């Protein structure tokens, strides 16, 4: 089971990426590093990285 992250505390992150191909890699690293720092389970991090990668890729298209 995956719980919700409280966005009213420190567990909130926001990024802005340029409309460039390197943005996908940057987004993956930013999400992965942040979720590791938050000590979330690796399976959650893997799924989040995949979703972010898809979203950033689609936004570039």
Protein backbone atom coordinates (compact mmCIF):
# COMPACT_ATOMS: atom_id res chain seq x y z
CA UNK A 1 0.00 0.00 0.00
CA UNK A 2 1.25 3.46 -0.86
CA UNK A 3 0.32 6.34 1.40
CA UNK A 4 -0.11 9.98 0.52
CA UNK A 5 2.66 12.49 1.03
CA UNK A 6 1.69 15.48 3.16
CA UNK A 7 2.35 18.52 0.96
CA UNK A 8 1.91 20.96 3.84
CA UNK A 9 5.21 19.96 5.42
CA UNK A 10 8.70 19.42 4.09
CA UNK A 11 7.61 16.59 1.77
CA UNK A 12 6.89 18.79 -1.21
CA UNK A 13 8.98 19.28 -4.32
CA UNK A 14 8.58 21.43 -7.41
CA UNK A 15 10.77 21.67 -10.48
CA UNK A 16 10.81 23.57 -13.74
CA UNK A 17 12.60 22.06 -16.72
CA UNK A 18 13.47 23.65 -20.06
CA UNK A 19 11.87 22.33 -23.24
CA UNK A 20 15.02 20.42 -24.20
CA UNK A 21 15.80 16.73 -24.60
CA UNK A 22 18.07 16.73 -21.53
CA UNK A 23 15.06 17.69 -19.42
CA UNK A 24 13.88 14.08 -19.32
CA UNK A 25 17.14 12.90 -17.77
CA UNK A 26 17.21 15.85 -15.38
CA UNK A 27 13.64 15.15 -14.29
CA UNK A 28 14.36 11.47 -13.63
CA UNK A 29 17.40 12.32 -11.52
CA UNK A 30 15.59 15.05 -9.59
CA UNK A 31 12.68 12.77 -8.71
CA UNK A 32 14.88 9.78 -7.88
CA UNK A 33 17.18 11.83 -5.64
CA UNK A 34 14.30 13.54 -3.85
CA UNK A 35 12.39 10.33 -3.17
CA UNK A 36 15.55 8.65 -1.88
CA UNK A 37 16.12 11.60 0.45
CA UNK A 38 12.55 11.15 1.69
CA UNK A 39 13.36 7.46 2.29
CA UNK A 40 10.44 6.15 0.30
CA UNK A 41 10.48 2.50 -0.76
CA UNK A 42 12.49 1.87 -3.95
CA UNK A 43 9.40 0.49 -5.70
CA UNK A 44 7.62 3.81 -5.19
CA UNK A 45 10.63 5.70 -6.50
CA UNK A 46 10.90 3.48 -9.57
CA UNK A 47 7.24 3.99 -10.45
CA UNK A 48 7.45 7.75 -9.87
CA UNK A 49 10.58 8.03 -12.05
CA UNK A 50 8.84 6.12 -14.84
CA UNK A 51 5.75 8.32 -14.65
CA UNK A 52 7.76 11.55 -14.60
CA UNK A 53 9.86 10.36 -17.51
CA UNK A 54 6.73 9.68 -19.55
CA UNK A 55 5.13 13.00 -18.63
CA UNK A 56 8.20 15.06 -19.48
CA UNK A 57 8.74 13.16 -22.71
CA UNK A 58 5.11 13.68 -23.74
CA UNK A 59 5.27 17.38 -22.90
CA UNK A 60 8.29 17.77 -25.17
CA UNK A 61 6.44 16.18 -28.06
